[in-house]
Amino acid sequence: MSNARILMYTQDSYGLGHLRRATNLANALVAKRADLSVLLVVDSPIAPFFELRPHVDFLKLPTVVKVGAGVFRTGQLAEGYEEIRSLRAHVLREAVLCFLPDVILVDHMPGGANRELLLTLTTIRRRKLATRMVLGLRDIVDSPEVTRAVWRHERVYEAMQEYYDRVLIYGSPEVFDTAAEYDIARVMGERIRYCGYVCNQEELEPPERVRARLGLGREPTVVVTAGGGADAYRLMHAYLEALPRLGIPSPATLMITGPFLPEAELRTLRERAASLPVQIRASVGEGLDTMNVADLVVCMAGYNTLSEVLRLGKRAIVVPRPGPSAEQGMRARLFAERGLVDVVEPGTLSASTLAHALVKNLIARSRPAPRHVPDLDGVERATEALLECLPSAPSPDRTPPVREATRAERLRSRAKAG
């Protein structure tokens, strides 16, 4: 019996959110089943970026960038978008025909970016491959009216009904009823499963060890982060301008700009932070460990960032991205309604409004806020659902288990390499 195989398709050229979620799931899957191989098909210009466990690899598609609802442009290559779209569609099909996965997990876009996945879907059907098709959706795609309109235009509902065996929703209907709001329930019915929020479930280093490594003392600490960082500058500049206005001792700050922040903007931030108790880093080795030492997190409203804020039980000031979709604004407001975060709307962001929110949260940091935390078991439930779609595992005497390095061993290995 050959090894089991899962292919994951994820389109994530603007930030790191989809890539982070796919990596979380891929690493969890191979940890649960020793004979499984997972191939990530991604288009992030810095893929794979996150650590991949043994039996996980990736295939890089030419990058495209979303500029509006259902609208993309070429990312890196000096070619027209239609040529790149055709290239991506054919690479996807050939990858599937060569890898022959038992399961394909499609992230976020049922037909792929501008329906580029339909060539693969029709090929699977025409050749009668046994591949199971699973759609994975985060809690919020865009506003319901925009999403439904785009999906009707791109015939997404027909593609769902015809090609997909299961839909996994990485969220909770108590927060946002994804299936109802986007009219998925009408076409998929019993094939829908809510999994809860998918977040990094790695074990955590002791906070005191992380603080020592980062050069932090015992003073209150703020972590400022904005995912990939492509549009992080406005938030981070406002934060630096807010610090002198607090009227209380400034906290120690670790500002993580992300890999996509333009170099000129990074230089400006470093110059402004020179006289402040602020460390600025493009990235850190373990973002979850770093967030765990924070008394307060200042961030945008990306899916993974807020899922990690919830897992760690952190106070957070959230400034949602204003576009190109309504996703972050909707998530920020829904979480704020549950007492999970404080929101500064992007249209009101200034040094003074951010300073007010900082003082409020720093003074209250020792008092737990009322919290109605949604289900965070998304990794466990999504991997269970995907493993159910695979053929039975071979008996243990035919495939010896693969010993995974512990987190401590991986950390030591990276320390020696660096």
Foldseek 3Di string as FASTA:
>chain_A
DAFAEEEEEDEDAPFCQRLQLVQLQQQLLCVVFVRYAYEYEYAHPDPPPADHFPRYYYHHQQHWADDALLDIAGDPDPDGPVVSLQVRLVVVQVVCVVVVHQEYEYEAQLCPRLNSPVVNQVVCVVVVRNYAYEYEYEQDNFQLVSLLVSCVVSVSLVSCLPRHQAYEYQADVVLPNSCVSNVVCVRQPPRYDYQYHEERPADEDPLVVVCVVVVHDPFAEEEEEETQQLPVLLVLVLQLLQQVVQPDHGTQYEYARHNNHDPVSVVVSCVSCVPPNYHYHPDDNDPLNVVLNHLEYEYEQRRHVLLSCLVSLHEYEYEYDPDPGCGRVSNVVSQVVQFRYHYDYNVRRHSVVVSVVVNVSVVCSVPRIRGDRIGHRNSVRVSVVVVVSIPDRDDCVVPPGDDTDGPVVVVVVVVVVD
